[in-house]
C-alpha atoms as a PDB file:
ATOM      1  CA  UNK A   1     -78.074 -52.996  55.026  1.00  0.00           C
ATOM      2  CA  UNK A   2     -77.038 -55.701  57.408  1.00  0.00           C
ATOM      3  CA  UNK A   3     -75.319 -55.423  60.974  1.00  0.00           C
ATOM      4  CA  UNK A   4     -74.213 -58.520  62.511  1.00  0.00           C
ATOM      5  CA  UNK A   5     -76.689 -60.637  60.915  1.00  0.00           C
ATOM      6  CA  UNK A   6     -79.554 -58.295  61.438  1.00  0.00           C
ATOM      7  CA  UNK A   7     -81.291 -56.685  58.485  1.00  0.00           C
ATOM      8  CA  UNK A   8     -81.977 -52.996  58.492  1.00  0.00           C
ATOM      9  CA  UNK A   9     -84.924 -52.222  56.308  1.00  0.00           C
ATOM     10  CA  UNK A  10     -84.618 -49.292  53.836  1.00  0.00           C
ATOM     11  CA  UNK A  11     -87.555 -47.471  55.289  1.00  0.00           C
ATOM     12  CA  UNK A  12     -88.175 -44.638  57.453  1.00  0.00           C
ATOM     13  CA  UNK A  13     -90.129 -43.600  60.775  1.00  0.00           C
ATOM     14  CA  UNK A  14     -92.549 -40.839  60.224  1.00  0.00           C
ATOM     15  CA  UNK A  15     -92.731 -38.261  63.053  1.00  0.00           C
ATOM     16  CA  UNK A  16     -94.918 -35.276  63.834  1.00  0.00           C
ATOM     17  CA  UNK A  17     -94.587 -31.615  65.152  1.00  0.00           C
ATOM     18  CA  UNK A  18     -95.384 -31.328  68.955  1.00  0.00           C
ATOM     19  CA  UNK A  19     -95.050 -28.848  71.691  1.00  0.00           C
ATOM     20  CA  UNK A  20     -93.083 -29.845  74.711  1.00  0.00           C
ATOM     21  CA  UNK A  21     -92.009 -28.569  78.234  1.00  0.00           C
ATOM     22  CA  UNK A  22     -89.582 -29.899  80.945  1.00  0.00           C
ATOM     23  CA  UNK A  23     -90.198 -29.756  84.664  1.00  0.00           C
ATOM     24  CA  UNK A  24     -87.824 -30.499  87.500  1.00  0.00           C
ATOM     25  CA  UNK A  25     -89.305 -32.424  90.464  1.00  0.00           C
ATOM     26  CA  UNK A  26     -87.290 -32.503  93.644  1.00  0.00           C
ATOM     27  CA  UNK A  27     -88.019 -33.943  97.067  1.00  0.00           C
ATOM     28  CA  UNK A  28     -86.688 -34.917 100.315  1.00  0.00           C
ATOM     29  CA  UNK A  29     -85.008 -38.002  98.520  1.00  0.00           C
ATOM     30  CA  UNK A  30     -85.110 -39.660  95.194  1.00  0.00           C
ATOM     31  CA  UNK A  31     -87.722 -42.175  96.472  1.00  0.00           C
ATOM     32  CA  UNK A  32     -90.507 -39.320  97.017  1.00  0.00           C
ATOM     33  CA  UNK A  33     -89.290 -37.514  93.732  1.00  0.00           C
ATOM     34  CA  UNK A  34     -90.056 -40.713  91.748  1.00  0.00           C
ATOM     35  CA  UNK A  35     -93.318 -41.080  93.672  1.00  0.00           C
ATOM     36  CA  UNK A  36     -94.419 -37.617  92.289  1.00  0.00           C
ATOM     37  CA  UNK A  37     -92.721 -38.094  88.855  1.00  0.00           C
ATOM     38  CA  UNK A  38     -94.388 -41.487  88.351  1.00  0.00           C
ATOM     39  CA  UNK A  39     -97.806 -40.264  89.413  1.00  0.00           C
ATOM     40  CA  UNK A  40     -97.376 -36.958  87.145  1.00  0.00           C
ATOM     41  CA  UNK A  41     -96.348 -39.245  83.963  1.00  0.00           C
ATOM     42  CA  UNK A  42     -99.020 -41.789  84.572  1.00  0.00           C
ATOM     43  CA  UNK A  43    -101.481 -42.532  81.664  1.00  0.00           C
ATOM     44  CA  UNK A  44     -99.331 -40.212  79.300  1.00  0.00           C
ATOM     45  CA  UNK A  45     -98.339 -43.018  76.572  1.00  0.00           C
ATOM     46  CA  UNK A  46    -100.082 -41.367  73.695  1.00  0.00           C
ATOM     47  CA  UNK A  47    -101.736 -38.374  72.609  1.00  0.00           C
ATOM     48  CA  UNK A  48    -104.398 -40.397  70.801  1.00  0.00           C
ATOM     49  CA  UNK A  49    -106.077 -41.189  74.181  1.00  0.00           C
ATOM     50  CA  UNK A  50    -104.133 -39.528  76.939  1.00  0.00           C
ATOM     51  CA  UNK A  51    -103.709 -35.853  75.865  1.00  0.00           C
ATOM     52  CA  UNK A  52    -100.061 -35.771  76.341  1.00  0.00           C
ATOM     53  CA  UNK A  53     -97.160 -38.040  76.200  1.00  0.00           C
ATOM     54  CA  UNK A  54     -94.726 -37.733  79.131  1.00  0.00           C
ATOM     55  CA  UNK A  55     -91.890 -39.506  80.907  1.00  0.00           C
ATOM     56  CA  UNK A  56     -88.911 -39.215  83.133  1.00  0.00           C
ATOM     57  CA  UNK A  57     -85.803 -37.933  81.234  1.00  0.00           C
ATOM     58  CA  UNK A  58     -83.186 -38.399  83.864  1.00  0.00           C
ATOM     59  CA  UNK A  59     -82.205 -38.215  87.570  1.00  0.00           C
ATOM     60  CA  UNK A  60     -80.840 -34.926  88.945  1.00  0.00           C
ATOM     61  CA  UNK A  61     -78.258 -34.616  91.555  1.00  0.00           C
ATOM     62  CA  UNK A  62     -78.546 -32.155  94.420  1.00  0.00           C
ATOM     63  CA  UNK A  63     -76.201 -29.492  92.529  1.00  0.00           C
ATOM     64  CA  UNK A  64     -78.330 -29.625  89.488  1.00  0.00           C
ATOM     65  CA  UNK A  65     -81.672 -28.535  91.257  1.00  0.00           C
ATOM     66  CA  UNK A  66     -82.674 -24.991  92.231  1.00  0.00           C
ATOM     67  CA  UNK A  67     -83.159 -26.097  95.904  1.00  0.00           C
ATOM     68  CA  UNK A  68     -80.162 -28.236  96.280  1.00  0.00           C
ATOM     69  CA  UNK A  69     -82.167 -31.490  96.797  1.00  0.00           C
ATOM     70  CA  UNK A  70     -82.127 -34.595  94.533  1.00  0.00           C
ATOM     71  CA  UNK A  71     -84.783 -34.625  91.682  1.00  0.00           C
ATOM     72  CA  UNK A  72     -86.036 -35.713  88.233  1.00  0.00           C
ATOM     73  CA  UNK A  73     -86.382 -34.057  85.018  1.00  0.00           C
ATOM     74  CA  UNK A  74     -89.762 -34.750  83.273  1.00  0.00           C
ATOM     75  CA  UNK A  75     -90.508 -34.229  79.627  1.00  0.00           C
ATOM     76  CA  UNK A  76     -93.991 -33.626  78.424  1.00  0.00           C
ATOM     77  CA  UNK A  77     -95.228 -33.500  74.683  1.00  0.00           C
ATOM     78  CA  UNK A  78     -98.586 -32.403  73.332  1.00  0.00           C
ATOM     79  CA  UNK A  79    -100.015 -31.754  69.864  1.00  0.00           C
ATOM     80  CA  UNK A  80    -100.914 -28.207  70.818  1.00  0.00           C
ATOM     81  CA  UNK A  81    -100.020 -25.606  73.339  1.00  0.00           C
ATOM     82  CA  UNK A  82    -103.274 -25.400  74.797  1.00  0.00           C
ATOM     83  CA  UNK A  83    -103.682 -28.882  75.851  1.00  0.00           C
ATOM     84  CA  UNK A  84    -100.060 -28.813  77.055  1.00  0.00           C
ATOM     85  CA  UNK A  85    -100.757 -26.135  79.452  1.00  0.00           C
ATOM     86  CA  UNK A  86    -103.900 -27.810  80.624  1.00  0.00           C
ATOM     87  CA  UNK A  87    -102.298 -31.082  81.222  1.00  0.00           C
ATOM     88  CA  UNK A  88     -99.144 -29.638  82.893  1.00  0.00           C
ATOM     89  CA  UNK A  89    -101.135 -27.559  85.462  1.00  0.00           C
ATOM     90  CA  UNK A  90    -103.557 -30.484  86.147  1.00  0.00           C
ATOM     91  CA  UNK A  91    -100.768 -33.115  86.704  1.00  0.00           C
ATOM     92  CA  UNK A  92     -98.643 -30.731  88.885  1.00  0.00           C
ATOM     93  CA  UNK A  93    -101.721 -29.832  90.998  1.00  0.00           C
ATOM     94  CA  UNK A  94    -103.034 -33.541  91.385  1.00  0.00           C
ATOM     95  CA  UNK A  95     -99.548 -35.432  91.535  1.00  0.00           C
ATOM     96  CA  UNK A  96     -96.843 -33.083  92.715  1.00  0.00           C
ATOM     97  CA  UNK A  97     -98.538 -30.546  95.091  1.00  0.00           C
ATOM     98  CA  UNK A  98    -100.022 -33.731  96.836  1.00  0.00           C
ATOM     99  CA  UNK A  99     -96.793 -35.557  97.272  1.00  0.00           C
ATOM    100  CA  UNK A 100     -94.937 -35.132 100.405  1.00  0.00           C
ATOM    101  CA  UNK A 101     -91.971 -32.975 100.315  1.00  0.00           C
ATOM    102  CA  UNK A 102     -91.922 -32.501  96.607  1.00  0.00           C
ATOM    103  CA  UNK A 103     -91.327 -29.172  94.919  1.00  0.00           C
ATOM    104  CA  UNK A 104     -91.536 -28.063  91.138  1.00  0.00           C
ATOM    105  CA  UNK A 105     -89.210 -26.011  88.925  1.00  0.00           C
ATOM    106  CA  UNK A 106     -88.881 -24.816  85.391  1.00  0.00           C
ATOM    107  CA  UNK A 107     -86.622 -27.104  83.409  1.00  0.00           C
ATOM    108  CA  UNK A 108     -86.317 -25.037  80.158  1.00  0.00           C
ATOM    109  CA  UNK A 109     -86.276 -21.581  79.130  1.00  0.00           C
ATOM    110  CA  UNK A 110     -87.943 -20.263  76.075  1.00  0.00           C
ATOM    111  CA  UNK A 111     -89.764 -17.221  74.612  1.00  0.00           C
ATOM    112  CA  UNK A 112     -93.184 -18.898  75.546  1.00  0.00           C
ATOM    113  CA  UNK A 113     -93.532 -19.264  79.262  1.00  0.00           C
ATOM    114  CA  UNK A 114     -96.458 -21.411  80.461  1.00  0.00           C
ATOM    115  CA  UNK A 115     -98.002 -21.615  83.937  1.00  0.00           C
ATOM    116  CA  UNK A 116     -96.509 -23.961  86.502  1.00  0.00           C
ATOM    117  CA  UNK A 117     -97.474 -22.567  89.833  1.00  0.00           C
ATOM    118  CA  UNK A 118     -99.134 -19.247  88.639  1.00  0.00           C
ATOM    119  CA  UNK A 119    -102.616 -20.594  89.325  1.00  0.00           C
ATOM    120  CA  UNK A 120    -101.816 -23.242  91.670  1.00  0.00           C
ATOM    121  CA  UNK A 121    -100.929 -20.706  94.275  1.00  0.00           C
ATOM    122  CA  UNK A 122    -104.678 -20.185  94.812  1.00  0.00           C
ATOM    123  CA  UNK A 123    -104.696 -23.518  96.684  1.00  0.00           C
ATOM    124  CA  UNK A 124    -103.240 -21.559  99.451  1.00  0.00           C
ATOM    125  CA  UNK A 125    -106.344 -19.733 100.073  1.00  0.00           C
ATOM    126  CA  UNK A 126    -104.734 -16.401 100.495  1.00  0.00           C
ATOM    127  CA  UNK A 127    -101.910 -17.468 102.654  1.00  0.00           C
ATOM    128  CA  UNK A 128     -99.474 -18.035  99.691  1.00  0.00           C
ATOM    129  CA  UNK A 129     -96.444 -15.960  99.443  1.00  0.00           C
ATOM    130  CA  UNK A 130     -94.004 -15.259  96.523  1.00  0.00           C
ATOM    131  CA  UNK A 131     -90.538 -14.605  96.108  1.00  0.00           C
ATOM    132  CA  UNK A 132     -88.731 -12.910  93.158  1.00  0.00           C
ATOM    133  CA  UNK A 133     -85.163 -14.103  92.938  1.00  0.00           C
ATOM    134  CA  UNK A 134     -82.893 -13.449  89.928  1.00  0.00           C
ATOM    135  CA  UNK A 135     -85.844 -12.610  88.009  1.00  0.00           C
ATOM    136  CA  UNK A 136     -87.819 -15.752  88.525  1.00  0.00           C
ATOM    137  CA  UNK A 137     -90.898 -15.897  90.719  1.00  0.00           C
ATOM    138  CA  UNK A 138     -91.616 -18.633  93.102  1.00  0.00           C
ATOM    139  CA  UNK A 139     -94.616 -19.395  95.229  1.00  0.00           C
ATOM    140  CA  UNK A 140     -94.884 -20.806  98.599  1.00  0.00           C
ATOM    141  CA  UNK A 141     -98.073 -22.631  99.236  1.00  0.00           C
ATOM    142  CA  UNK A 142     -98.789 -23.782 102.776  1.00  0.00           C
ATOM    143  CA  UNK A 143     -99.635 -27.456 103.108  1.00  0.00           C
ATOM    144  CA  UNK A 144    -100.050 -29.890 105.910  1.00  0.00           C
ATOM    145  CA  UNK A 145     -96.295 -31.179 105.752  1.00  0.00           C
ATOM    146  CA  UNK A 146     -95.116 -27.750 105.551  1.00  0.00           C
ATOM    147  CA  UNK A 147     -95.157 -25.808 102.157  1.00  0.00           C
ATOM    148  CA  UNK A 148     -95.337 -26.520  98.491  1.00  0.00           C
ATOM    149  CA  UNK A 149     -92.575 -24.581  96.578  1.00  0.00           C
ATOM    150  CA  UNK A 150     -93.203 -24.012  92.967  1.00  0.00           C
ATOM    151  CA  UNK A 151     -91.753 -21.775  90.258  1.00  0.00           C
ATOM    152  CA  UNK A 152     -94.323 -19.631  88.589  1.00  0.00           C
ATOM    153  CA  UNK A 153     -93.697 -20.574  85.072  1.00  0.00           C
ATOM    154  CA  UNK A 154     -91.537 -22.921  82.767  1.00  0.00           C
ATOM    155  CA  UNK A 155     -90.716 -22.687  79.123  1.00  0.00           C
ATOM    156  CA  UNK A 156     -92.702 -24.313  76.087  1.00  0.00           C
ATOM    157  CA  UNK A 157     -90.692 -25.290  72.869  1.00  0.00           C
ATOM    158  CA  UNK A 158     -91.254 -26.701  69.721  1.00  0.00           C
ATOM    159  CA  UNK A 159     -90.544 -30.489  69.390  1.00  0.00           C
ATOM    160  CA  UNK A 160     -91.090 -33.778  67.658  1.00  0.00           C
ATOM    161  CA  UNK A 161     -92.992 -36.850  68.607  1.00  0.00           C
ATOM    162  CA  UNK A 162     -93.340 -40.285  66.982  1.00  0.00           C
ATOM    163  CA  UNK A 163     -89.860 -41.295  66.085  1.00  0.00           C
ATOM    164  CA  UNK A 164     -89.880 -45.114  66.038  1.00  0.00           C
ATOM    165  CA  UNK A 165     -88.278 -48.458  65.207  1.00  0.00           C
ATOM    166  CA  UNK A 166     -89.634 -51.988  64.974  1.00  0.00           C
ATOM    167  CA  UNK A 167     -87.974 -55.176  66.309  1.00  0.00           C
ATOM    168  CA  UNK A 168     -88.698 -58.218  64.448  1.00  0.00           C
ATOM    169  CA  UNK A 169     -87.667 -61.250  66.210  1.00  0.00           C
ATOM    170  CA  UNK A 170     -88.343 -65.132  66.278  1.00  0.00           C
ATOM    171  CA  UNK A 171     -90.170 -65.058  69.624  1.00  0.00           C
ATOM    172  CA  UNK A 172     -91.823 -62.809  71.982  1.00  0.00           C
ATOM    173  CA  UNK A 173     -89.185 -63.212  74.527  1.00  0.00           C
ATOM    174  CA  UNK A 174     -86.311 -62.477  72.035  1.00  0.00           C
ATOM    175  CA  UNK A 175     -88.244 -59.503  71.007  1.00  0.00           C
ATOM    176  CA  UNK A 176     -88.819 -58.264  74.429  1.00  0.00           C
ATOM    177  CA  UNK A 177     -85.421 -58.662  75.725  1.00  0.00           C
ATOM    178  CA  UNK A 178     -83.869 -56.845  72.776  1.00  0.00           C
ATOM    179  CA  UNK A 179     -86.102 -54.133  73.291  1.00  0.00           C
ATOM    180  CA  UNK A 180     -85.166 -53.851  76.888  1.00  0.00           C
ATOM    181  CA  UNK A 181     -81.601 -53.713  76.037  1.00  0.00           C
ATOM    182  CA  UNK A 182     -82.141 -50.805  73.598  1.00  0.00           C
ATOM    183  CA  UNK A 183     -84.244 -48.907  76.119  1.00  0.00           C
ATOM    184  CA  UNK A 184     -81.567 -49.134  78.633  1.00  0.00           C
ATOM    185  CA  UNK A 185     -79.108 -47.621  76.283  1.00  0.00           C
ATOM    186  CA  UNK A 186     -81.437 -44.950  74.975  1.00  0.00           C
ATOM    187  CA  UNK A 187     -82.343 -43.847  78.537  1.00  0.00           C
ATOM    188  CA  UNK A 188     -78.811 -42.542  79.013  1.00  0.00           C
ATOM    189  CA  UNK A 189     -79.333 -39.708  76.318  1.00  0.00           C
ATOM    190  CA  UNK A 190     -80.769 -36.386  77.320  1.00  0.00           C
ATOM    191  CA  UNK A 191     -83.810 -34.658  75.646  1.00  0.00           C
ATOM    192  CA  UNK A 192     -85.825 -37.700  74.734  1.00  0.00           C
ATOM    193  CA  UNK A 193     -88.429 -39.926  76.290  1.00  0.00           C
ATOM    194  CA  UNK A 194     -89.973 -43.277  75.481  1.00  0.00           C
ATOM    195  CA  UNK A 195     -93.390 -42.751  76.741  1.00  0.00           C
ATOM    196  CA  UNK A 196     -94.884 -46.203  76.624  1.00  0.00           C
ATOM    197  CA  UNK A 197     -94.818 -48.750  79.284  1.00  0.00           C
ATOM    198  CA  UNK A 198     -91.171 -49.581  79.941  1.00  0.00           C
ATOM    199  CA  UNK A 199     -90.505 -47.627  76.834  1.00  0.00           C
ATOM    200  CA  UNK A 200     -92.087 -50.370  74.685  1.00  0.00           C
ATOM    201  CA  UNK A 201     -95.197 -50.606  72.721  1.00  0.00           C
ATOM    202  CA  UNK A 202     -96.692 -54.055  71.237  1.00  0.00           C
ATOM    203  CA  UNK A 203     -99.834 -52.264  69.517  1.00  0.00           C
ATOM    204  CA  UNK A 204     -98.423 -50.491  66.610  1.00  0.00           C
ATOM    205  CA  UNK A 205    -101.403 -48.872  64.683  1.00  0.00           C
ATOM    206  CA  UNK A 206    -102.205 -47.967  61.245  1.00  0.00           C
ATOM    207  CA  UNK A 207    -104.534 -45.132  59.920  1.00  0.00           C
ATOM    208  CA  UNK A 208    -108.005 -45.878  59.664  1.00  0.00           C
ATOM    209  CA  UNK A 209    -110.187 -48.933  60.549  1.00  0.00           C
ATOM    210  CA  UNK A 210    -113.071 -50.891  59.041  1.00  0.00           C
ATOM    211  CA  UNK A 211    -115.178 -49.412  61.799  1.00  0.00           C
ATOM    212  CA  UNK A 212    -116.231 -45.796  60.894  1.00  0.00           C
ATOM    213  CA  UNK A 213    -115.583 -44.452  64.597  1.00  0.00           C
ATOM    214  CA  UNK A 214    -112.101 -45.583  64.706  1.00  0.00           C
ATOM    215  CA  UNK A 215    -109.450 -43.318  63.188  1.00  0.00           C
ATOM    216  CA  UNK A 216    -106.510 -45.794  64.155  1.00  0.00           C
ATOM    217  CA  UNK A 217    -106.464 -49.555  64.322  1.00  0.00           C
ATOM    218  CA  UNK A 218    -104.021 -52.582  64.883  1.00  0.00           C
ATOM    219  CA  UNK A 219    -101.158 -52.675  62.384  1.00  0.00           C
ATOM    220  CA  UNK A 220    -102.172 -55.862  60.805  1.00  0.00           C
ATOM    221  CA  UNK A 221     -99.191 -56.057  58.364  1.00  0.00           C
ATOM    222  CA  UNK A 222     -96.837 -56.598  61.467  1.00  0.00           C
ATOM    223  CA  UNK A 223     -99.082 -58.869  63.478  1.00  0.00           C
ATOM    224  CA  UNK A 224     -97.610 -62.471  63.381  1.00  0.00           C
ATOM    225  CA  UNK A 225    -101.036 -64.108  64.019  1.00  0.00           C
ATOM    226  CA  UNK A 226    -102.343 -62.545  60.775  1.00  0.00           C
ATOM    227  CA  UNK A 227    -100.023 -64.018  58.366  1.00  0.00           C
ATOM    228  CA  UNK A 228    -101.798 -65.636  55.573  1.00  0.00           C
ATOM    229  CA  UNK A 229    -104.933 -63.560  56.267  1.00  0.00           C
ATOM    230  CA  UNK A 230    -103.469 -59.985  55.281  1.00  0.00           C
ATOM    231  CA  UNK A 231    -100.660 -58.660  53.112  1.00  0.00           C
ATOM    232  CA  UNK A 232     -98.015 -59.091  55.721  1.00  0.00           C
ATOM    233  CA  UNK A 233     -94.623 -57.543  56.325  1.00  0.00           C
ATOM    234  CA  UNK A 234     -93.333 -60.702  58.154  1.00  0.00           C
ATOM    235  CA  UNK A 235     -91.732 -63.709  57.013  1.00  0.00           C
ATOM    236  CA  UNK A 236     -92.425 -67.145  58.304  1.00  0.00           C
ATOM    237  CA  UNK A 237     -89.793 -67.201  61.081  1.00  0.00           C
ATOM    238  CA  UNK A 238     -90.912 -63.921  62.568  1.00  0.00           C
ATOM    239  CA  UNK A 239     -93.154 -64.558  65.544  1.00  0.00           C
ATOM    240  CA  UNK A 240     -93.284 -61.174  67.579  1.00  0.00           C
ATOM    241  CA  UNK A 241     -92.811 -57.523  66.876  1.00  0.00           C
ATOM    242  CA  UNK A 242     -92.041 -54.830  69.448  1.00  0.00           C
ATOM    243  CA  UNK A 243     -91.953 -50.930  68.781  1.00  0.00           C
ATOM    244  CA  UNK A 244     -90.006 -48.424  70.515  1.00  0.00           C
ATOM    245  CA  UNK A 245     -91.533 -44.737  70.316  1.00  0.00           C
ATOM    246  CA  UNK A 246     -89.288 -41.604  70.852  1.00  0.00           C
ATOM    247  CA  UNK A 247     -90.266 -38.130  71.438  1.00  0.00           C
ATOM    248  CA  UNK A 248     -87.493 -35.578  71.393  1.00  0.00           C
ATOM    249  CA  UNK A 249     -86.721 -31.853  71.583  1.00  0.00           C
ATOM    250  CA  UNK A 250     -85.151 -31.925  68.254  1.00  0.00           C
ATOM    251  CA  UNK A 251     -84.701 -34.076  65.178  1.00  0.00           C
ATOM    252  CA  UNK A 252     -80.998 -34.814  66.022  1.00  0.00           C
ATOM    253  CA  UNK A 253     -82.138 -35.845  69.587  1.00  0.00           C
ATOM    254  CA  UNK A 254     -84.446 -38.555  68.071  1.00  0.00           C
ATOM    255  CA  UNK A 255     -82.090 -39.579  65.450  1.00  0.00           C
ATOM    256  CA  UNK A 256     -79.299 -40.322  67.819  1.00  0.00           C
ATOM    257  CA  UNK A 257     -81.665 -42.208  70.304  1.00  0.00           C
ATOM    258  CA  UNK A 258     -82.779 -44.391  67.380  1.00  0.00           C
ATOM    259  CA  UNK A 259     -79.271 -44.989  66.360  1.00  0.00           C
ATOM    260  CA  UNK A 260     -78.043 -45.932  69.935  1.00  0.00           C
ATOM    261  CA  UNK A 261     -81.075 -48.160  70.412  1.00  0.00           C
ATOM    262  CA  UNK A 262     -80.585 -50.013  67.077  1.00  0.00           C
ATOM    263  CA  UNK A 263     -76.823 -50.330  67.663  1.00  0.00           C
ATOM    264  CA  UNK A 264     -77.503 -51.995  71.183  1.00  0.00           C
ATOM    265  CA  UNK A 265     -79.712 -54.584  69.593  1.00  0.00           C
ATOM    266  CA  UNK A 266     -77.314 -55.244  66.612  1.00  0.00           C
ATOM    267  CA  UNK A 267     -74.320 -55.684  69.075  1.00  0.00           C
ATOM    268  CA  UNK A 268     -76.412 -58.796  70.364  1.00  0.00           C
ATOM    269  CA  UNK A 269     -76.212 -60.344  66.828  1.00  0.00           C
ATOM    270  CA  UNK A 270     -78.676 -62.416  65.194  1.00  0.00           C
ATOM    271  CA  UNK A 271     -78.106 -64.978  68.046  1.00  0.00           C
ATOM    272  CA  UNK A 272     -80.469 -62.698  69.911  1.00  0.00           C
ATOM    273  CA  UNK A 273     -83.300 -64.003  67.780  1.00  0.00           C
ATOM    274  CA  UNK A 274     -83.772 -60.567  66.103  1.00  0.00           C
ATOM    275  CA  UNK A 275     -83.980 -60.974  62.457  1.00  0.00           C
ATOM    276  CA  UNK A 276     -84.795 -57.246  61.175  1.00  0.00           C
ATOM    277  CA  UNK A 277     -85.165 -53.629  62.274  1.00  0.00           C
ATOM    278  CA  UNK A 278     -87.897 -51.813  60.653  1.00  0.00           C
ATOM    279  CA  UNK A 279     -89.912 -48.543  61.096  1.00  0.00           C
ATOM    280  CA  UNK A 280     -93.324 -47.404  61.233  1.00  0.00           C
ATOM    281  CA  UNK A 281     -94.734 -44.743  58.760  1.00  0.00           C
ATOM    282  CA  UNK A 282     -97.829 -43.841  56.858  1.00  0.00           C
ATOM    283  CA  UNK A 283     -96.411 -43.202  53.353  1.00  0.00           C
ATOM    284  CA  UNK A 284     -94.967 -39.960  54.447  1.00  0.00           C
ATOM    285  CA  UNK A 285     -98.394 -38.313  54.116  1.00  0.00           C
ATOM    286  CA  UNK A 286     -99.045 -37.393  57.849  1.00  0.00           C
ATOM    287  CA  UNK A 287     -95.718 -36.280  59.454  1.00  0.00           C
ATOM    288  CA  UNK A 288     -93.200 -33.887  58.121  1.00  0.00           C
ATOM    289  CA  UNK A 289     -90.240 -35.512  59.938  1.00  0.00           C
ATOM    290  CA  UNK A 290     -88.736 -38.655  58.223  1.00  0.00           C
ATOM    291  CA  UNK A 291     -86.170 -40.660  59.874  1.00  0.00           C
ATOM    292  CA  UNK A 292     -84.416 -42.808  57.240  1.00  0.00           C
ATOM    293  CA  UNK A 293     -83.112 -46.098  58.940  1.00  0.00           C
ATOM    294  CA  UNK A 294     -80.054 -46.301  56.468  1.00  0.00           C
ATOM    295  CA  UNK A 295     -79.201 -42.707  56.919  1.00  0.00           C
ATOM    296  CA  UNK A 296     -79.284 -42.947  60.642  1.00  0.00           C
ATOM    297  CA  UNK A 297     -77.117 -46.086  60.885  1.00  0.00           C
ATOM    298  CA  UNK A 298     -74.576 -44.629  58.425  1.00  0.00           C
END
């Protein structure tokens, strides 16, 4: 498959089952909502080392939030429900409770509620109060700037993490510029996040290592400096590879994001310096969800 001079490899991205939740963060204005959200989603690029993968899904207008203030929707993903619940409470307590004017609300409903403010209310030292509105319980916790308002629970759902595609280009600058354009297009979609810095990851990994303590290591087949030393996937004119990883609430959400991202790059044509689009997988043995590039682009 070739689109505007860019080759689309006949391969697939391999993704994994995850658990996910959505939280709505509001504040006096978007500036302070972003302060809380960026702190809450910090150090959340990969479950390999961070426990969760999290990111800002989109901005919310005042008529989309429970308290009529501007805000942000946050998506958080983990490999298991226990980790997700622990990380959610910890991050809300350390990053949103502490942020001036911020409040936190459920962003998704499900048959599996998880704690949002249920335990954080104890920070109120007995002065906290609750209110039941339309079957939902909210906690008002006194703090020095007034009060922290937090819904008691939010929902937890089954989701998918690890959708991805690789951008193979003639230079680092070309690869990064194309990745930025893809990310800008993908961020317009709901139900997905790209959790790595700026949405882009340069350190693609493979399973295993020559070192027994490492269960993942650099994806040497796609490292341009290792051409000639390993069984490479790169031709002579490829000097940089960037990866975009996508977590989503459903298979279709991730597939649509991949399609939009690849289309944005292909619209630039081969003049962008991008030669190929590929994807990362482990032979189909580790993840049950396979995103086939040719099927997605058709």
